[in-house]
Amino acid sequence: MVRKFKFLGLALVAVFAMSAVGASAASATVEFRSEGAPVTLTGTQEGESNAFDVQFGEVKCKSAKYTGTTTTATATTVSVAPAYAECTFAGVATTIDMNGCTYLLHVTNAGPPYTGVVDVVCPGGAQIVVTGGTKCIVDVGPQTNLGPVTYTNIGSGTTREVTLDLAGLTNITYTQTPGTGVGKCTSLTTGAGKYTGTATVTGETDPGTTHTGVFVS
């Protein structure tokens, strides 16, 4: 049976998103956990869309996929790389270029409820670029402590799953650059961006063959 890691809420991200996740209740250290290592993480969006709300409108994507790898059974953070497709921005066909940027997931509270934050990590001054046709461009650069996000255990044993609720992912900083023509957006830099989305991520110790449970313990 396929073990799924449900990513609720930014997908940005990222969301949501997207990894073997766990926390040590017997220790002050909070960690991501899985039943094996290394674990390859792959995921696809659940529901109709992931959405990023900005001043000009809503960036909506019908397809969001996430990939990542953990090399140990426990980790304090997990990095996942999202890829978006079939996107619109204020109703206009849109592209989202990640430019090497990833989402770094943290679990910071050994609950329950287990909560954490998400960082946007980009190499060498790169940014996530959202291009809404000819009307608007939105740039999202590196930033930390976006959240809170909530992790919840589902199932038991080798079928364990974790839901990641990103409904609280607000205060995302972005820059809005006007395009051309009637209806173009205005120039703006703000920290008022919001992200929602749902995805399911599966952990595999042998990609395509052996699935592994993910959980918060």
Protein backbone atom coordinates (compact mmCIF):
# COMPACT_ATOMS: atom_id res chain seq x y z
CA MET A 1 0.00 0.00 0.00
CA VAL A 2 1.36 3.39 -0.92
CA ARG A 3 2.21 5.61 2.06
CA LYS A 4 1.32 9.20 1.36
CA PHE A 5 2.49 12.39 2.94
CA LYS A 6 -0.40 14.84 2.65
CA PHE A 7 0.58 18.43 2.16
CA LEU A 8 -2.26 20.81 3.01
CA GLY A 9 -2.33 24.44 2.71
CA LEU A 10 1.54 27.51 0.31
CA ALA A 11 1.94 25.05 -1.90
CA LEU A 12 3.29 28.03 -2.46
CA VAL A 13 4.46 25.33 -1.47
CA ALA A 14 4.93 24.45 -0.62
CA VAL A 15 3.88 23.87 -0.10
CA PHE A 16 3.44 23.41 0.73
CA ALA A 17 5.11 19.47 0.49
CA MET A 18 6.59 16.88 1.26
CA SER A 19 8.92 14.87 3.21
CA ALA A 20 9.27 12.24 5.88
CA VAL A 21 8.28 14.29 8.90
CA GLY A 22 8.51 13.68 12.61
CA ALA A 23 9.26 15.06 16.04
CA SER A 24 10.90 13.60 19.13
CA ALA A 25 8.51 14.00 22.05
CA ALA A 26 11.10 12.72 24.50
CA SER A 27 13.68 15.34 23.58
CA ALA A 28 13.98 19.08 23.10
CA THR A 29 15.13 18.37 19.55
CA VAL A 30 12.37 18.22 16.96
CA GLU A 31 13.10 16.10 13.90
CA PHE A 32 11.66 14.84 10.62
CA ARG A 33 11.38 11.03 10.68
CA SER A 34 10.82 8.10 8.33
CA GLU A 35 11.02 4.31 8.60
CA GLY A 36 14.02 4.02 6.32
CA ALA A 37 16.83 5.95 4.70
CA PRO A 38 17.63 7.34 2.28
CA VAL A 39 14.08 8.32 1.38
CA THR A 40 13.06 9.71 -2.00
CA LEU A 41 10.08 12.04 -1.73
CA THR A 42 7.68 12.60 -4.60
CA GLY A 43 4.32 14.27 -4.47
CA THR A 44 1.45 15.69 -6.48
CA GLN A 45 -1.19 18.21 -5.68
CA GLU A 46 -4.54 17.26 -4.21
CA GLY A 47 -7.66 19.29 -4.90
CA GLU A 48 -8.26 21.74 -7.70
CA SER A 49 -5.36 24.14 -7.22
CA ASN A 50 -2.53 25.64 -5.26
CA ALA A 51 -2.96 29.40 -4.89
CA PHE A 52 -0.75 32.40 -4.12
CA ASP A 53 -2.66 35.59 -3.34
CA VAL A 54 -1.03 38.92 -4.18
CA GLN A 55 -2.33 42.46 -4.69
CA PHE A 56 -2.95 41.99 -8.44
CA GLY A 57 -4.91 38.79 -8.00
CA GLU A 58 -4.59 35.06 -7.38
CA VAL A 59 -1.95 32.80 -8.90
CA LYS A 60 -3.64 29.40 -9.27
CA CYS A 61 -2.04 26.16 -10.49
CA LYS A 62 -3.87 22.95 -11.36
CA SER A 63 -0.67 20.92 -11.06
CA ALA A 64 1.98 21.08 -8.34
CA LYS A 65 4.68 18.44 -7.93
CA TYR A 66 7.29 18.17 -5.19
CA THR A 67 10.54 16.22 -4.97
CA GLY A 68 13.09 15.81 -2.23
CA THR A 69 15.47 13.38 -0.54
CA THR A 70 16.43 12.63 3.04
CA THR A 71 19.67 10.72 3.58
CA THR A 72 18.95 9.73 7.20
CA ALA A 73 15.91 8.42 9.07
CA THR A 74 15.80 11.63 11.11
CA ALA A 75 16.55 15.20 10.09
CA THR A 76 15.97 18.62 11.59
CA THR A 77 14.96 20.07 8.20
CA VAL A 78 13.86 18.73 4.82
CA SER A 79 14.27 20.49 1.47
CA VAL A 80 11.74 19.99 -1.34
CA ALA A 81 11.72 21.36 -4.87
CA PRO A 82 8.29 22.33 -6.26
CA ALA A 83 7.27 22.47 -9.92
CA TYR A 84 4.02 24.14 -11.00
CA ALA A 85 2.02 23.74 -14.23
CA GLU A 86 -1.29 24.83 -15.75
CA CYS A 87 -1.17 28.12 -13.90
CA THR A 88 -3.13 31.36 -14.27
CA PHE A 89 -2.56 34.78 -12.69
CA ALA A 90 -5.66 36.95 -12.41
CA GLY A 91 -7.14 34.71 -15.14
CA VAL A 92 -4.15 35.00 -17.51
CA ALA A 93 -1.98 32.03 -18.53
CA THR A 94 1.09 32.12 -16.31
CA THR A 95 4.50 30.53 -15.81
CA ILE A 96 6.27 29.99 -12.48
CA ASP A 97 10.05 29.70 -12.74
CA MET A 98 11.62 28.38 -9.52
CA ASN A 99 15.18 29.23 -10.72
CA GLY A 100 16.66 26.69 -8.31
CA CYS A 101 14.67 27.91 -5.29
CA THR A 102 13.36 25.30 -2.86
CA TYR A 103 11.23 25.12 0.27
CA LEU A 104 12.93 24.17 3.53
CA LEU A 105 10.54 22.56 6.02
CA HIS A 106 11.01 22.73 9.79
CA VAL A 107 9.13 21.18 12.70
CA THR A 108 9.72 23.47 15.68
CA ASN A 109 7.20 22.38 18.31
CA ALA A 110 7.12 18.84 19.73
CA GLY A 111 3.34 18.86 20.25
CA PRO A 112 0.78 17.68 19.60
CA PRO A 113 -0.12 19.77 17.85
CA TYR A 114 3.17 19.67 15.95
CA THR A 115 3.89 22.96 14.25
CA GLY A 116 6.70 24.49 12.23
CA VAL A 117 7.74 26.98 9.59
CA VAL A 118 8.86 27.05 5.96
CA ASP A 119 11.82 28.93 4.45
CA VAL A 120 12.20 29.92 0.79
CA VAL A 121 15.82 29.16 -0.14
CA CYS A 122 17.34 30.42 -3.41
CA PRO A 123 20.87 30.11 -4.82
CA GLY A 124 23.08 33.10 -5.61
CA GLY A 125 20.54 35.90 -5.56
CA ALA A 126 17.92 33.99 -7.57
CA GLN A 127 14.19 34.47 -7.04
CA ILE A 128 10.96 32.66 -7.87
CA VAL A 129 9.48 34.49 -10.88
CA VAL A 130 5.76 34.46 -11.64
CA THR A 131 4.97 35.85 -15.11
CA GLY A 132 1.33 36.66 -15.72
CA GLY A 133 1.25 37.02 -19.49
CA THR A 134 2.09 40.60 -20.43
CA LYS A 135 0.29 42.13 -17.45
CA CYS A 136 2.40 41.48 -14.37
CA ILE A 137 5.56 39.88 -12.99
CA VAL A 138 5.89 38.84 -9.34
CA ASP A 139 9.26 38.02 -7.76
CA VAL A 140 9.52 36.04 -4.52
CA GLY A 141 12.98 36.03 -2.98
CA PRO A 142 14.58 34.10 -0.11
CA GLN A 143 12.82 34.45 3.24
CA THR A 144 12.49 32.58 6.50
CA ASN A 145 9.98 31.60 9.18
CA LEU A 146 6.84 31.57 7.04
CA GLY A 147 3.99 29.94 8.87
CA PRO A 148 2.85 28.53 11.12
CA VAL A 149 2.29 25.14 9.53
CA THR A 150 0.73 22.19 11.38
CA TYR A 151 1.73 18.51 11.10
CA THR A 152 -0.78 15.77 12.05
CA ASN A 153 -0.36 11.98 12.17
CA ILE A 154 -2.68 9.80 10.08
CA GLY A 155 -2.87 6.00 10.08
CA SER A 156 -0.61 3.54 11.88
CA GLY A 157 2.34 1.24 11.34
CA THR A 158 3.84 1.14 7.87
CA THR A 159 0.86 3.02 6.42
CA ARG A 160 1.46 6.11 8.54
CA GLU A 161 0.88 9.47 6.90
CA VAL A 162 1.33 13.07 7.96
CA THR A 163 -0.87 16.00 7.00
CA LEU A 164 0.84 19.35 6.62
CA ASP A 165 -1.61 22.24 6.99
CA LEU A 166 -0.28 25.47 5.47
CA ALA A 167 -3.43 27.53 5.93
CA GLY A 168 -1.49 29.91 8.19
CA LEU A 169 1.20 30.64 5.60
CA THR A 170 0.94 34.40 5.33
CA ASN A 171 3.19 37.47 5.34
CA ILE A 172 5.09 36.32 2.24
CA THR A 173 7.27 39.11 0.86
CA TYR A 174 7.09 39.72 -2.89
CA THR A 175 7.68 42.42 -5.51
CA GLN A 176 5.07 43.19 -8.17
CA THR A 177 6.32 44.71 -11.48
CA PRO A 178 3.88 46.15 -14.06
CA GLY A 179 3.69 44.67 -17.53
CA THR A 180 2.10 46.43 -20.48
CA GLY A 181 -1.32 47.32 -21.79
CA VAL A 182 -4.72 47.84 -20.26
CA GLY A 183 -5.22 46.06 -16.95
CA LYS A 184 -1.54 45.78 -16.06
CA CYS A 185 -0.62 45.56 -12.37
CA THR A 186 0.89 48.33 -10.28
CA SER A 187 4.42 48.53 -8.92
CA LEU A 188 4.50 47.21 -5.38
CA THR A 189 6.69 45.57 -2.74
CA THR A 190 4.91 44.13 0.27
CA GLY A 191 4.93 41.37 2.85
CA ALA A 192 1.22 40.60 2.55
CA GLY A 193 1.33 37.54 0.27
CA LYS A 194 -0.68 34.44 1.22
CA TYR A 195 -0.39 30.83 0.06
CA THR A 196 -2.77 27.85 0.16
CA GLY A 197 -2.67 24.40 -1.40
CA THR A 198 -2.97 20.67 -0.98
CA ALA A 199 -0.58 17.94 -2.10
CA THR A 200 0.31 14.33 -1.31
CA VAL A 201 3.92 13.21 -1.02
CA THR A 202 5.03 9.56 -0.97
CA GLY A 203 8.24 8.33 0.65
CA GLU A 204 10.19 5.55 -1.06
CA THR A 205 13.42 3.90 0.03
CA ASP A 206 13.78 2.32 -3.41
CA PRO A 207 12.16 4.74 -5.90
CA GLY A 208 9.28 3.14 -7.75
CA THR A 209 9.46 -0.04 -5.67
CA THR A 210 9.54 0.20 -1.87
CA HIS A 211 7.34 2.66 0.00
CA THR A 212 7.98 3.74 3.56
CA GLY A 213 5.78 5.25 6.27
CA VAL A 214 6.28 8.83 7.45
CA PHE A 215 5.19 10.08 10.84
CA VAL A 216 5.55 12.39 13.83
CA SER A 217 6.66 10.48 16.92
